[in-house]
Amino acid sequence: MRVLILGVNGFIGNALTERILATTDWDVSGLDIGSDKIAPFLENPRFTYLEGDIAINKEWIEYQIKKCDVVLPLVAIATPAAYVTQPLAVFQLDFEENLRIVKQAVRYGKRVVFPSTSEVYGMCPDAEFDEDASPLVYGPIQKQRWIYSCSKQLLDRVIWAYGQQGLQFTLFRPFNWFGPHLDDIDSPKEGSSRVLTQFLHNILYRQPIKLVDGGTQRRSFTYISDGIDALLAILENRGGVADGGIFNVGNPANDLSIRELAERMVAAVAATPGFEELGRAARLVEVSSGDYYGSGYQDILTRVPSIRRARETLGWEPKVSLDEGIRRTLHFYLQGRRATR
């Protein structure tokens, strides 16, 4: 199989590429604006890479779509601060550029595996989010944070409509995937890095951990290897089981509040040899969402996936506990590092 990954150097893209090259005989073509995370794969004869931009390198992308069997358009702006401060950039990249990719896949008869998002459920009141039945609930227009989930949801609907006309597709919805290569912990932008790496940066640089609105929001965190297990099963698609499907990929057993996540992170750093003092010195402070993100922000208070479909259809089950996932993530970021700050 020939897999095209746009955004191959990103968190999901590099982890998926590593797994494909290590465990299958598939070929991977990838594009991204950088290659630091995929550097170990650049000499692999089954990996083709172009450093470029999906908004610029359109001819190369179209050529690769013609050659591939399946395309994964992973390029997106997926950080809450950007939803509020750069809503048009979010819409242009996340929807318009990816729509062009989807249309080319339709034109050339290629399969699309599209990364939807857990955020499409918005402020859904359900205790567990079901792919078929749960409502997708968003706030008012002036709350620009919803432009990301709206862009993703609209592409979900476009892809589904193309599916009624013959497009082979699968939608997957990651629920707070985390692990190695998530973000740069030395130069995160407050509000733009994912929460786990932001907290780790704060601890290592002796900065207060800011809990937006007290950190009462709950999330279901999913270790990256579990997510890639599900994604491999979707790509393998044995017997066509993933065709036309929407799959939540998350770990409901790892549901906890952001405050609880911060406390777990602090405890894990304090238990790491050489970093005990940094863990003991960490402190939590509360900030309002308005001060942290601005007036265009509105939060999602709970986010727990139903994973019944992934279990029954893909035979997938998340395996990594939150504490084990944090331990592995800390090992990746802290190995060879000194706690000198």
C-alpha atoms as a PDB file:
ATOM      1  CA  MET A   1       0.000   0.000   0.000  1.00  0.00           C
ATOM      2  CA  ARG A   2       1.131   3.547  -0.760  1.00  0.00           C
ATOM      3  CA  VAL A   3       0.219   6.054   1.938  1.00  0.00           C
ATOM      4  CA  LEU A   4       0.369   9.828   1.492  1.00  0.00           C
ATOM      5  CA  ILE A   5       0.654  11.773   4.756  1.00  0.00           C
ATOM      6  CA  LEU A   6       0.293  15.541   4.577  1.00  0.00           C
ATOM      7  CA  GLY A   7       1.642  16.946   7.830  1.00  0.00           C
ATOM      8  CA  VAL A   8       4.052  14.031   8.154  1.00  0.00           C
ATOM      9  CA  ASN A   9       6.340  15.830  10.632  1.00  0.00           C
ATOM     10  CA  GLY A  10       3.520  16.540  13.053  1.00  0.00           C
ATOM     11  CA  PHE A  11       2.685  14.665  16.223  1.00  0.00           C
ATOM     12  CA  ILE A  12       0.439  12.055  14.597  1.00  0.00           C
ATOM     13  CA  GLY A  13       2.230  12.049  11.254  1.00  0.00           C
ATOM     14  CA  ASN A  14       5.683  11.181  12.528  1.00  0.00           C
ATOM     15  CA  ALA A  15       4.391   8.519  14.932  1.00  0.00           C
ATOM     16  CA  LEU A  16       2.330   6.916  12.164  1.00  0.00           C
ATOM     17  CA  THR A  17       5.258   7.003   9.735  1.00  0.00           C
ATOM     18  CA  GLU A  18       7.545   5.350  12.276  1.00  0.00           C
ATOM     19  CA  ARG A  19       5.034   2.562  12.871  1.00  0.00           C
ATOM     20  CA  ILE A  20       4.340   1.978   9.170  1.00  0.00           C
ATOM     21  CA  LEU A  21       8.021   1.744   8.272  1.00  0.00           C
ATOM     22  CA  ALA A  22       8.780  -0.510  11.253  1.00  0.00           C
ATOM     23  CA  THR A  23       5.885  -2.961  11.041  1.00  0.00           C
ATOM     24  CA  THR A  24       4.597  -3.057   7.439  1.00  0.00           C
ATOM     25  CA  ASP A  25       5.897  -3.197   3.876  1.00  0.00           C
ATOM     26  CA  TRP A  26       3.946  -0.080   2.868  1.00  0.00           C
ATOM     27  CA  ASP A  27       5.490   2.966   1.189  1.00  0.00           C
ATOM     28  CA  VAL A  28       5.007   6.436   2.659  1.00  0.00           C
ATOM     29  CA  SER A  29       5.124   9.792   0.925  1.00  0.00           C
ATOM     30  CA  GLY A  30       5.002  12.851   3.133  1.00  0.00           C
ATOM     31  CA  LEU A  31       5.008  16.629   3.067  1.00  0.00           C
ATOM     32  CA  ASP A  32       5.576  19.144   5.840  1.00  0.00           C
ATOM     33  CA  ILE A  33       7.243  22.464   6.505  1.00  0.00           C
ATOM     34  CA  GLY A  34       9.952  20.805   8.627  1.00  0.00           C
ATOM     35  CA  SER A  35      11.606  17.430   9.128  1.00  0.00           C
ATOM     36  CA  ASP A  36      13.107  17.382  12.620  1.00  0.00           C
ATOM     37  CA  LYS A  37      10.793  14.653  13.932  1.00  0.00           C
ATOM     38  CA  ILE A  38      11.052  12.440  10.838  1.00  0.00           C
ATOM     39  CA  ALA A  39      14.817  12.830  10.397  1.00  0.00           C
ATOM     40  CA  PRO A  40      15.467   9.140  11.239  1.00  0.00           C
ATOM     41  CA  PHE A  41      13.308   8.050   8.294  1.00  0.00           C
ATOM     42  CA  LEU A  42      14.672  10.299   5.553  1.00  0.00           C
ATOM     43  CA  GLU A  43      17.120   7.679   4.239  1.00  0.00           C
ATOM     44  CA  ASN A  44      14.555   4.877   4.251  1.00  0.00           C
ATOM     45  CA  PRO A  45      13.949   3.747   0.646  1.00  0.00           C
ATOM     46  CA  ARG A  46      10.219   3.348   1.367  1.00  0.00           C
ATOM     47  CA  PHE A  47       9.884   6.974   2.480  1.00  0.00           C
ATOM     48  CA  THR A  48       9.588   9.934   0.103  1.00  0.00           C
ATOM     49  CA  TYR A  49       9.619  13.406   1.612  1.00  0.00           C
ATOM     50  CA  LEU A  50       9.183  16.956   0.372  1.00  0.00           C
ATOM     51  CA  GLU A  51       9.714  19.969   2.591  1.00  0.00           C
ATOM     52  CA  GLY A  52       6.880  22.199   1.549  1.00  0.00           C
ATOM     53  CA  ASP A  53       3.486  23.731   2.220  1.00  0.00           C
ATOM     54  CA  ILE A  54       0.115  22.315   1.144  1.00  0.00           C
ATOM     55  CA  ALA A  55      -0.931  25.807   0.068  1.00  0.00           C
ATOM     56  CA  ILE A  56       2.104  26.137  -2.226  1.00  0.00           C
ATOM     57  CA  ASN A  57       3.282  22.719  -3.430  1.00  0.00           C
ATOM     58  CA  LYS A  58       0.020  21.850  -5.129  1.00  0.00           C
ATOM     59  CA  GLU A  59       1.440  20.069  -8.180  1.00  0.00           C
ATOM     60  CA  TRP A  60       3.591  17.729  -6.060  1.00  0.00           C
ATOM     61  CA  ILE A  61       0.617  16.907  -3.857  1.00  0.00           C
ATOM     62  CA  GLU A  62      -1.650  16.187  -6.823  1.00  0.00           C
ATOM     63  CA  TYR A  63       1.014  13.927  -8.346  1.00  0.00           C
ATOM     64  CA  GLN A  64       1.361  12.023  -5.067  1.00  0.00           C
ATOM     65  CA  ILE A  65      -2.414  11.659  -4.740  1.00  0.00           C
ATOM     66  CA  LYS A  66      -2.477  10.097  -8.206  1.00  0.00           C
ATOM     67  CA  LYS A  67       0.183   7.591  -7.116  1.00  0.00           C
ATOM     68  CA  CYS A  68      -1.070   6.721  -3.632  1.00  0.00           C
ATOM     69  CA  ASP A  69      -3.742   4.322  -2.406  1.00  0.00           C
ATOM     70  CA  VAL A  70      -4.804   6.342   0.636  1.00  0.00           C
ATOM     71  CA  VAL A  71      -4.295   9.957   1.679  1.00  0.00           C
ATOM     72  CA  LEU A  72      -4.253  11.315   5.236  1.00  0.00           C
ATOM     73  CA  PRO A  73      -4.637  15.123   5.304  1.00  0.00           C
ATOM     74  CA  LEU A  74      -3.235  15.767   8.776  1.00  0.00           C
ATOM     75  CA  VAL A  75      -2.293  19.426   8.274  1.00  0.00           C
ATOM     76  CA  ALA A  76      -4.236  21.715  10.605  1.00  0.00           C
ATOM     77  CA  ILE A  77      -3.976  24.512  13.114  1.00  0.00           C
ATOM     78  CA  ALA A  78      -5.125  22.787  16.291  1.00  0.00           C
ATOM     79  CA  THR A  79      -4.314  25.103  19.188  1.00  0.00           C
ATOM     80  CA  PRO A  80      -7.047  27.027  21.045  1.00  0.00           C
ATOM     81  CA  ALA A  81      -5.195  30.341  21.185  1.00  0.00           C
ATOM     82  CA  ALA A  82      -5.123  30.436  17.382  1.00  0.00           C
ATOM     83  CA  TYR A  83      -8.878  29.836  17.141  1.00  0.00           C
ATOM     84  CA  VAL A  84      -9.433  33.123  18.971  1.00  0.00           C
ATOM     85  CA  THR A  85      -6.616  35.240  17.525  1.00  0.00           C
ATOM     86  CA  GLN A  86      -6.376  33.866  13.964  1.00  0.00           C
ATOM     87  CA  PRO A  87      -9.817  32.462  13.066  1.00  0.00           C
ATOM     88  CA  LEU A  88      -9.501  33.111   9.330  1.00  0.00           C
ATOM     89  CA  ALA A  89      -6.106  31.392   9.175  1.00  0.00           C
ATOM     90  CA  VAL A  90      -7.650  28.417  10.955  1.00  0.00           C
ATOM     91  CA  PHE A  91     -10.524  28.274   8.473  1.00  0.00           C
ATOM     92  CA  GLN A  92      -8.310  28.712   5.415  1.00  0.00           C
ATOM     93  CA  LEU A  93      -5.885  25.960   6.368  1.00  0.00           C
ATOM     94  CA  ASP A  94      -8.125  23.542   8.223  1.00  0.00           C
ATOM     95  CA  PHE A  95     -11.039  23.722   5.797  1.00  0.00           C
ATOM     96  CA  GLU A  96     -10.177  25.308   2.468  1.00  0.00           C
ATOM     97  CA  GLU A  97      -6.775  23.715   1.852  1.00  0.00           C
ATOM     98  CA  ASN A  98      -7.940  20.318   3.057  1.00  0.00           C
ATOM     99  CA  LEU A  99     -11.098  20.528   0.959  1.00  0.00           C
ATOM    100  CA  ARG A 100      -8.889  20.794  -2.129  1.00  0.00           C
ATOM    101  CA  ILE A 101      -7.086  17.611  -1.067  1.00  0.00           C
ATOM    102  CA  VAL A 102     -10.390  15.801  -0.557  1.00  0.00           C
ATOM    103  CA  LYS A 103     -11.662  16.887  -3.972  1.00  0.00           C
ATOM    104  CA  GLN A 104      -8.490  15.579  -5.636  1.00  0.00           C
ATOM    105  CA  ALA A 105      -8.927  12.253  -3.867  1.00  0.00           C
ATOM    106  CA  VAL A 106     -12.471  12.139  -5.249  1.00  0.00           C
ATOM    107  CA  ARG A 107     -11.230  13.014  -8.743  1.00  0.00           C
ATOM    108  CA  TYR A 108      -8.616  10.253  -8.764  1.00  0.00           C
ATOM    109  CA  GLY A 109     -10.612   7.627  -6.886  1.00  0.00           C
ATOM    110  CA  LYS A 110      -8.380   7.476  -3.806  1.00  0.00           C
ATOM    111  CA  ARG A 111      -9.289   6.553  -0.268  1.00  0.00           C
ATOM    112  CA  VAL A 112      -9.351   9.323   2.367  1.00  0.00           C
ATOM    113  CA  VAL A 113      -8.650   8.745   6.057  1.00  0.00           C
ATOM    114  CA  PHE A 114      -9.486  12.089   7.614  1.00  0.00           C
ATOM    115  CA  PRO A 115      -8.617  13.326  11.110  1.00  0.00           C
ATOM    116  CA  SER A 116     -11.803  14.779  12.479  1.00  0.00           C
ATOM    117  CA  THR A 117     -11.574  15.864  16.119  1.00  0.00           C
ATOM    118  CA  SER A 118     -13.184  15.273  19.473  1.00  0.00           C
ATOM    119  CA  GLU A 119     -13.955  19.003  19.410  1.00  0.00           C
ATOM    120  CA  VAL A 120     -16.712  18.483  16.831  1.00  0.00           C
ATOM    121  CA  TYR A 121     -18.924  17.398  19.733  1.00  0.00           C
ATOM    122  CA  GLY A 122     -18.509  20.847  21.279  1.00  0.00           C
ATOM    123  CA  MET A 123     -20.614  21.271  24.412  1.00  0.00           C
ATOM    124  CA  CYS A 124     -22.473  18.011  23.866  1.00  0.00           C
ATOM    125  CA  PRO A 125     -24.417  17.126  27.032  1.00  0.00           C
ATOM    126  CA  ASP A 126     -24.051  13.340  26.629  1.00  0.00           C
ATOM    127  CA  ALA A 127     -22.117  11.427  29.269  1.00  0.00           C
ATOM    128  CA  GLU A 128     -20.308   9.622  26.432  1.00  0.00           C
ATOM    129  CA  PHE A 129     -19.983  10.961  22.901  1.00  0.00           C
ATOM    130  CA  ASP A 130     -21.437   8.605  20.305  1.00  0.00           C
ATOM    131  CA  GLU A 131     -20.341   8.959  16.670  1.00  0.00           C
ATOM    132  CA  ASP A 132     -23.864   8.508  15.285  1.00  0.00           C
ATOM    133  CA  ALA A 133     -26.223   9.832  17.923  1.00  0.00           C
ATOM    134  CA  SER A 134     -24.557  12.621  19.933  1.00  0.00           C
ATOM    135  CA  PRO A 135     -25.469  16.217  19.018  1.00  0.00           C
ATOM    136  CA  LEU A 136     -22.729  18.646  18.005  1.00  0.00           C
ATOM    137  CA  VAL A 137     -23.306  21.739  20.145  1.00  0.00           C
ATOM    138  CA  TYR A 138     -21.477  25.054  19.649  1.00  0.00           C
ATOM    139  CA  GLY A 139     -21.633  28.514  21.185  1.00  0.00           C
ATOM    140  CA  PRO A 140     -22.496  31.892  19.663  1.00  0.00           C
ATOM    141  CA  ILE A 141     -20.745  33.331  16.613  1.00  0.00           C
ATOM    142  CA  GLN A 142     -18.688  35.851  18.575  1.00  0.00           C
ATOM    143  CA  LYS A 143     -17.021  32.967  20.401  1.00  0.00           C
ATOM    144  CA  GLN A 144     -14.409  32.385  17.700  1.00  0.00           C
ATOM    145  CA  ARG A 145     -12.967  29.312  19.414  1.00  0.00           C
ATOM    146  CA  TRP A 146     -15.624  27.291  17.598  1.00  0.00           C
ATOM    147  CA  ILE A 147     -14.233  28.009  14.134  1.00  0.00           C
ATOM    148  CA  TYR A 148     -11.871  25.025  14.430  1.00  0.00           C
ATOM    149  CA  SER A 149     -14.562  22.512  15.314  1.00  0.00           C
ATOM    150  CA  CYS A 150     -16.919  24.038  12.737  1.00  0.00           C
ATOM    151  CA  SER A 151     -14.252  23.713  10.032  1.00  0.00           C
ATOM    152  CA  LYS A 152     -13.620  20.094  10.944  1.00  0.00           C
ATOM    153  CA  GLN A 153     -17.304  19.278  11.190  1.00  0.00           C
ATOM    154  CA  LEU A 154     -18.042  20.805   7.801  1.00  0.00           C
ATOM    155  CA  LEU A 155     -15.286  18.722   6.213  1.00  0.00           C
ATOM    156  CA  ASP A 156     -16.699  15.646   7.960  1.00  0.00           C
ATOM    157  CA  ARG A 157     -20.036  16.399   6.318  1.00  0.00           C
ATOM    158  CA  VAL A 158     -18.498  17.073   2.894  1.00  0.00           C
ATOM    159  CA  ILE A 159     -16.534  13.827   3.020  1.00  0.00           C
ATOM    160  CA  TRP A 160     -19.648  11.941   4.126  1.00  0.00           C
ATOM    161  CA  ALA A 161     -21.598  13.440   1.211  1.00  0.00           C
ATOM    162  CA  TYR A 162     -18.871  12.435  -1.234  1.00  0.00           C
ATOM    163  CA  GLY A 163     -19.053   8.978   0.311  1.00  0.00           C
ATOM    164  CA  GLN A 164     -22.660   8.743  -0.836  1.00  0.00           C
ATOM    165  CA  GLN A 165     -21.294   9.276  -4.352  1.00  0.00           C
ATOM    166  CA  GLY A 166     -18.631   6.586  -4.066  1.00  0.00           C
ATOM    167  CA  LEU A 167     -15.678   8.074  -2.147  1.00  0.00           C
ATOM    168  CA  GLN A 168     -13.982   5.467   0.039  1.00  0.00           C
ATOM    169  CA  PHE A 169     -13.348   7.157   3.377  1.00  0.00           C
ATOM    170  CA  THR A 170     -12.943   6.818   7.123  1.00  0.00           C
ATOM    171  CA  LEU A 171     -13.187   9.578   9.734  1.00  0.00           C
ATOM    172  CA  PHE A 172     -11.321   9.211  13.026  1.00  0.00           C
ATOM    173  CA  ARG A 173     -11.683  11.481  16.041  1.00  0.00           C
ATOM    174  CA  PRO A 174      -8.655  11.666  18.358  1.00  0.00           C
ATOM    175  CA  PHE A 175      -9.390  12.415  22.004  1.00  0.00           C
ATOM    176  CA  ASN A 176      -6.428  14.307  23.489  1.00  0.00           C
ATOM    177  CA  TRP A 177      -3.617  12.125  22.192  1.00  0.00           C
ATOM    178  CA  PHE A 178      -0.289  12.734  23.946  1.00  0.00           C
ATOM    179  CA  GLY A 179       3.223  11.343  24.077  1.00  0.00           C
ATOM    180  CA  PRO A 180       6.731  11.950  22.682  1.00  0.00           C
ATOM    181  CA  HIS A 181       7.096  14.706  20.071  1.00  0.00           C
ATOM    182  CA  LEU A 182       3.852  16.361  21.160  1.00  0.00           C
ATOM    183  CA  ASP A 183       5.371  19.871  21.344  1.00  0.00           C
ATOM    184  CA  ASP A 184       8.670  21.615  21.981  1.00  0.00           C
ATOM    185  CA  ILE A 185       8.790  21.921  25.764  1.00  0.00           C
ATOM    186  CA  ASP A 186      11.533  24.564  25.709  1.00  0.00           C
ATOM    187  CA  SER A 187       9.736  27.183  23.655  1.00  0.00           C
ATOM    188  CA  PRO A 188       5.966  26.724  23.966  1.00  0.00           C
ATOM    189  CA  LYS A 189       3.644  29.638  23.434  1.00  0.00           C
ATOM    190  CA  GLU A 190       1.262  30.083  26.323  1.00  0.00           C
ATOM    191  CA  GLY A 191      -2.151  28.850  25.171  1.00  0.00           C
ATOM    192  CA  SER A 192      -0.775  27.424  21.923  1.00  0.00           C
ATOM    193  CA  SER A 193       1.012  24.305  23.139  1.00  0.00           C
ATOM    194  CA  ARG A 194      -0.990  21.271  24.167  1.00  0.00           C
ATOM    195  CA  VAL A 195      -1.786  21.224  27.848  1.00  0.00           C
ATOM    196  CA  LEU A 196       0.500  18.389  28.932  1.00  0.00           C
ATOM    197  CA  THR A 197       3.632  19.841  27.354  1.00  0.00           C
ATOM    198  CA  GLN A 198       2.702  23.336  28.523  1.00  0.00           C
ATOM    199  CA  PHE A 199       2.525  22.065  32.086  1.00  0.00           C
ATOM    200  CA  LEU A 200       5.863  20.273  31.739  1.00  0.00           C
ATOM    201  CA  HIS A 201       7.478  23.458  30.430  1.00  0.00           C
ATOM    202  CA  ASN A 202       6.071  25.424  33.365  1.00  0.00           C
ATOM    203  CA  ILE A 203       7.487  22.921  35.860  1.00  0.00           C
ATOM    204  CA  LEU A 204      10.942  22.803  34.257  1.00  0.00           C
ATOM    205  CA  TYR A 205      11.200  26.585  33.965  1.00  0.00           C
ATOM    206  CA  ARG A 206       9.821  27.261  37.446  1.00  0.00           C
ATOM    207  CA  GLN A 207       6.780  29.045  36.081  1.00  0.00           C
ATOM    208  CA  PRO A 208       3.333  28.768  37.659  1.00  0.00           C
ATOM    209  CA  ILE A 209       0.992  26.233  36.086  1.00  0.00           C
ATOM    210  CA  LYS A 210      -2.024  28.240  34.987  1.00  0.00           C
ATOM    211  CA  LEU A 211      -5.353  26.501  35.480  1.00  0.00           C
ATOM    212  CA  VAL A 212      -7.905  28.164  33.219  1.00  0.00           C
ATOM    213  CA  ASP A 213     -11.139  28.727  35.175  1.00  0.00           C
ATOM    214  CA  GLY A 214      -9.759  26.547  37.943  1.00  0.00           C
ATOM    215  CA  GLY A 215      -8.944  23.545  35.744  1.00  0.00           C
ATOM    216  CA  THR A 216     -12.348  21.909  36.269  1.00  0.00           C
ATOM    217  CA  GLN A 217     -12.674  20.970  32.589  1.00  0.00           C
ATOM    218  CA  ARG A 218     -12.374  17.240  32.012  1.00  0.00           C
ATOM    219  CA  ARG A 219     -10.597  15.441  29.168  1.00  0.00           C
ATOM    220  CA  SER A 220      -9.922  11.819  28.221  1.00  0.00           C
ATOM    221  CA  PHE A 221      -6.210  11.508  27.490  1.00  0.00           C
ATOM    222  CA  THR A 222      -4.995   8.869  25.046  1.00  0.00           C
ATOM    223  CA  TYR A 223      -1.395   7.724  24.701  1.00  0.00           C
ATOM    224  CA  ILE A 224      -0.046   8.007  21.175  1.00  0.00           C
ATOM    225  CA  SER A 225       0.775   4.304  20.734  1.00  0.00           C
ATOM    226  CA  ASP A 226      -2.860   3.414  21.430  1.00  0.00           C
ATOM    227  CA  GLY A 227      -3.995   5.980  18.883  1.00  0.00           C
ATOM    228  CA  ILE A 228      -1.592   4.656  16.260  1.00  0.00           C
ATOM    229  CA  ASP A 229      -2.817   1.095  16.937  1.00  0.00           C
ATOM    230  CA  ALA A 230      -6.312   2.226  15.970  1.00  0.00           C
ATOM    231  CA  LEU A 231      -5.072   4.178  12.980  1.00  0.00           C
ATOM    232  CA  LEU A 232      -3.146   1.152  11.677  1.00  0.00           C
ATOM    233  CA  ALA A 233      -6.285  -0.964  11.951  1.00  0.00           C
ATOM    234  CA  ILE A 234      -8.198   1.704  10.009  1.00  0.00           C
ATOM    235  CA  LEU A 235      -5.526   1.782   7.303  1.00  0.00           C
ATOM    236  CA  GLU A 236      -5.359  -2.020   7.068  1.00  0.00           C
ATOM    237  CA  ASN A 237      -9.151  -2.007   6.735  1.00  0.00           C
ATOM    238  CA  ARG A 238      -9.479  -5.765   6.676  1.00  0.00           C
ATOM    239  CA  GLY A 239     -12.654  -6.758   4.919  1.00  0.00           C
ATOM    240  CA  GLY A 240     -13.510  -3.092   4.416  1.00  0.00           C
ATOM    241  CA  VAL A 241     -14.633  -2.778   8.064  1.00  0.00           C
ATOM    242  CA  ALA A 242     -13.583   0.872   8.300  1.00  0.00           C
ATOM    243  CA  ASP A 243     -15.179   2.032   5.050  1.00  0.00           C
ATOM    244  CA  GLY A 244     -17.686   4.820   5.598  1.00  0.00           C
ATOM    245  CA  GLY A 245     -17.122   4.713   9.356  1.00  0.00           C
ATOM    246  CA  ILE A 246     -16.570   7.357  12.016  1.00  0.00           C
ATOM    247  CA  PHE A 247     -14.390   6.211  14.913  1.00  0.00           C
ATOM    248  CA  ASN A 248     -13.779   7.849  18.260  1.00  0.00           C
ATOM    249  CA  VAL A 249     -10.206   7.027  19.272  1.00  0.00           C
ATOM    250  CA  GLY A 250      -9.817   7.813  22.946  1.00  0.00           C
ATOM    251  CA  ASN A 251      -9.402   6.287  26.372  1.00  0.00           C
ATOM    252  CA  PRO A 252     -12.446   6.822  28.638  1.00  0.00           C
ATOM    253  CA  ALA A 253     -10.503   5.259  31.521  1.00  0.00           C
ATOM    254  CA  ASN A 254      -8.156   8.264  31.415  1.00  0.00           C
ATOM    255  CA  ASP A 255     -10.907  10.834  32.037  1.00  0.00           C
ATOM    256  CA  LEU A 256      -9.837  13.459  34.572  1.00  0.00           C
ATOM    257  CA  SER A 257      -9.879  17.197  35.183  1.00  0.00           C
ATOM    258  CA  ILE A 258      -7.133  19.512  33.994  1.00  0.00           C
ATOM    259  CA  ARG A 259      -6.335  20.281  37.637  1.00  0.00           C
ATOM    260  CA  GLU A 260      -5.912  16.558  38.295  1.00  0.00           C
ATOM    261  CA  LEU A 261      -3.665  16.298  35.233  1.00  0.00           C
ATOM    262  CA  ALA A 262      -1.479  19.101  36.593  1.00  0.00           C
ATOM    263  CA  GLU A 263      -1.223  17.353  39.955  1.00  0.00           C
ATOM    264  CA  ARG A 264      -0.278  14.068  38.258  1.00  0.00           C
ATOM    265  CA  MET A 265       2.364  15.853  36.184  1.00  0.00           C
ATOM    266  CA  VAL A 266       3.864  17.537  39.237  1.00  0.00           C
ATOM    267  CA  ALA A 267       3.973  14.250  41.130  1.00  0.00           C
ATOM    268  CA  ALA A 268       5.555  12.448  38.178  1.00  0.00           C
ATOM    269  CA  VAL A 269       8.295  15.056  37.796  1.00  0.00           C
ATOM    270  CA  ALA A 270       8.937  15.005  41.553  1.00  0.00           C
ATOM    271  CA  ALA A 271       9.366  11.228  41.335  1.00  0.00           C
ATOM    272  CA  THR A 272      11.911  11.476  38.507  1.00  0.00           C
ATOM    273  CA  PRO A 273      15.533  11.177  39.680  1.00  0.00           C
ATOM    274  CA  GLY A 274      17.301  14.504  39.336  1.00  0.00           C
ATOM    275  CA  PHE A 275      14.077  16.498  39.021  1.00  0.00           C
ATOM    276  CA  GLU A 276      12.647  16.054  42.509  1.00  0.00           C
ATOM    277  CA  GLU A 277      13.244  19.653  43.541  1.00  0.00           C
ATOM    278  CA  LEU A 278      11.545  21.067  40.449  1.00  0.00           C
ATOM    279  CA  GLY A 279       8.502  18.928  41.181  1.00  0.00           C
ATOM    280  CA  ARG A 280       8.375  20.104  44.798  1.00  0.00           C
ATOM    281  CA  ALA A 281       8.705  23.747  43.705  1.00  0.00           C
ATOM    282  CA  ALA A 282       5.848  23.613  41.183  1.00  0.00           C
ATOM    283  CA  ARG A 283       2.785  25.674  41.990  1.00  0.00           C
ATOM    284  CA  LEU A 284      -0.697  25.930  40.538  1.00  0.00           C
ATOM    285  CA  VAL A 285      -2.505  29.225  39.984  1.00  0.00           C
ATOM    286  CA  GLU A 286      -5.996  29.933  38.710  1.00  0.00           C
ATOM    287  CA  VAL A 287      -6.656  32.294  35.808  1.00  0.00           C
ATOM    288  CA  SER A 288      -9.851  33.206  34.000  1.00  0.00           C
ATOM    289  CA  SER A 289     -10.404  32.023  30.434  1.00  0.00           C
ATOM    290  CA  GLY A 290     -10.941  35.648  29.431  1.00  0.00           C
ATOM    291  CA  ASP A 291      -7.507  36.649  30.707  1.00  0.00           C
ATOM    292  CA  TYR A 292      -5.827  33.562  29.270  1.00  0.00           C
ATOM    293  CA  TYR A 293      -7.451  33.280  25.830  1.00  0.00           C
ATOM    294  CA  GLY A 294      -9.483  36.448  25.369  1.00  0.00           C
ATOM    295  CA  SER A 295     -13.185  37.155  25.006  1.00  0.00           C
ATOM    296  CA  GLY A 296     -13.611  34.879  21.981  1.00  0.00           C
ATOM    297  CA  TYR A 297     -13.015  31.740  24.012  1.00  0.00           C
ATOM    298  CA  GLN A 298     -15.574  29.312  25.388  1.00  0.00           C
ATOM    299  CA  ASP A 299     -14.658  26.029  27.001  1.00  0.00           C
ATOM    300  CA  ILE A 300     -15.771  22.450  26.707  1.00  0.00           C
ATOM    301  CA  LEU A 301     -16.393  21.063  30.177  1.00  0.00           C
ATOM    302  CA  THR A 302     -16.370  17.337  29.442  1.00  0.00           C
ATOM    303  CA  ARG A 303     -15.133  15.098  26.668  1.00  0.00           C
ATOM    304  CA  VAL A 304     -15.550  11.340  27.102  1.00  0.00           C
ATOM    305  CA  PRO A 305     -15.706   9.079  24.040  1.00  0.00           C
ATOM    306  CA  SER A 306     -17.802   6.027  23.451  1.00  0.00           C
ATOM    307  CA  ILE A 307     -15.341   3.585  21.885  1.00  0.00           C
ATOM    308  CA  ARG A 308     -17.836   0.786  21.314  1.00  0.00           C
ATOM    309  CA  ARG A 309     -17.532   1.035  17.533  1.00  0.00           C
ATOM    310  CA  ALA A 310     -13.726   0.901  17.538  1.00  0.00           C
ATOM    311  CA  ARG A 311     -13.827  -2.082  19.880  1.00  0.00           C
ATOM    312  CA  GLU A 312     -16.416  -4.021  17.928  1.00  0.00           C
ATOM    313  CA  THR A 313     -15.372  -3.097  14.390  1.00  0.00           C
ATOM    314  CA  LEU A 314     -11.601  -2.702  14.605  1.00  0.00           C
ATOM    315  CA  GLY A 315     -10.915  -4.998  17.549  1.00  0.00           C
ATOM    316  CA  TRP A 316      -9.139  -2.060  19.178  1.00  0.00           C
ATOM    317  CA  GLU A 317      -8.727  -1.403  22.877  1.00  0.00           C
ATOM    318  CA  PRO A 318      -6.599   1.317  24.539  1.00  0.00           C
ATOM    319  CA  LYS A 319      -3.932  -0.208  26.761  1.00  0.00           C
ATOM    320  CA  VAL A 320      -1.820   2.573  28.266  1.00  0.00           C
ATOM    321  CA  SER A 321      -2.927   4.136  31.550  1.00  0.00           C
ATOM    322  CA  LEU A 322      -2.532   7.851  32.101  1.00  0.00           C
ATOM    323  CA  ASP A 323       0.240   7.415  34.677  1.00  0.00           C
ATOM    324  CA  GLU A 324       2.160   5.059  32.389  1.00  0.00           C
ATOM    325  CA  GLY A 325       1.693   7.435  29.463  1.00  0.00           C
ATOM    326  CA  ILE A 326       2.979  10.349  31.548  1.00  0.00           C
ATOM    327  CA  ARG A 327       5.954   8.251  32.650  1.00  0.00           C
ATOM    328  CA  ARG A 328       6.853   7.402  29.042  1.00  0.00           C
ATOM    329  CA  THR A 329       6.402  11.007  27.953  1.00  0.00           C
ATOM    330  CA  LEU A 330       8.600  12.333  30.758  1.00  0.00           C
ATOM    331  CA  HIS A 331      11.269   9.767  29.919  1.00  0.00           C
ATOM    332  CA  PHE A 332      11.302  11.015  26.317  1.00  0.00           C
ATOM    333  CA  TYR A 333      11.548  14.686  27.241  1.00  0.00           C
ATOM    334  CA  LEU A 334      13.810  14.419  30.279  1.00  0.00           C
ATOM    335  CA  GLN A 335      16.338  11.768  29.259  1.00  0.00           C
ATOM    336  CA  GLY A 336      19.789  13.335  29.007  1.00  0.00           C
ATOM    337  CA  ARG A 337      18.483  16.614  30.427  1.00  0.00           C
ATOM    338  CA  ARG A 338      19.696  18.281  33.582  1.00  0.00           C
ATOM    339  CA  ALA A 339      17.432  20.053  36.040  1.00  0.00           C
ATOM    340  CA  THR A 340      19.627  23.146  36.151  1.00  0.00           C
ATOM    341  CA  ARG A 341      17.003  25.866  35.753  1.00  0.00           C
END
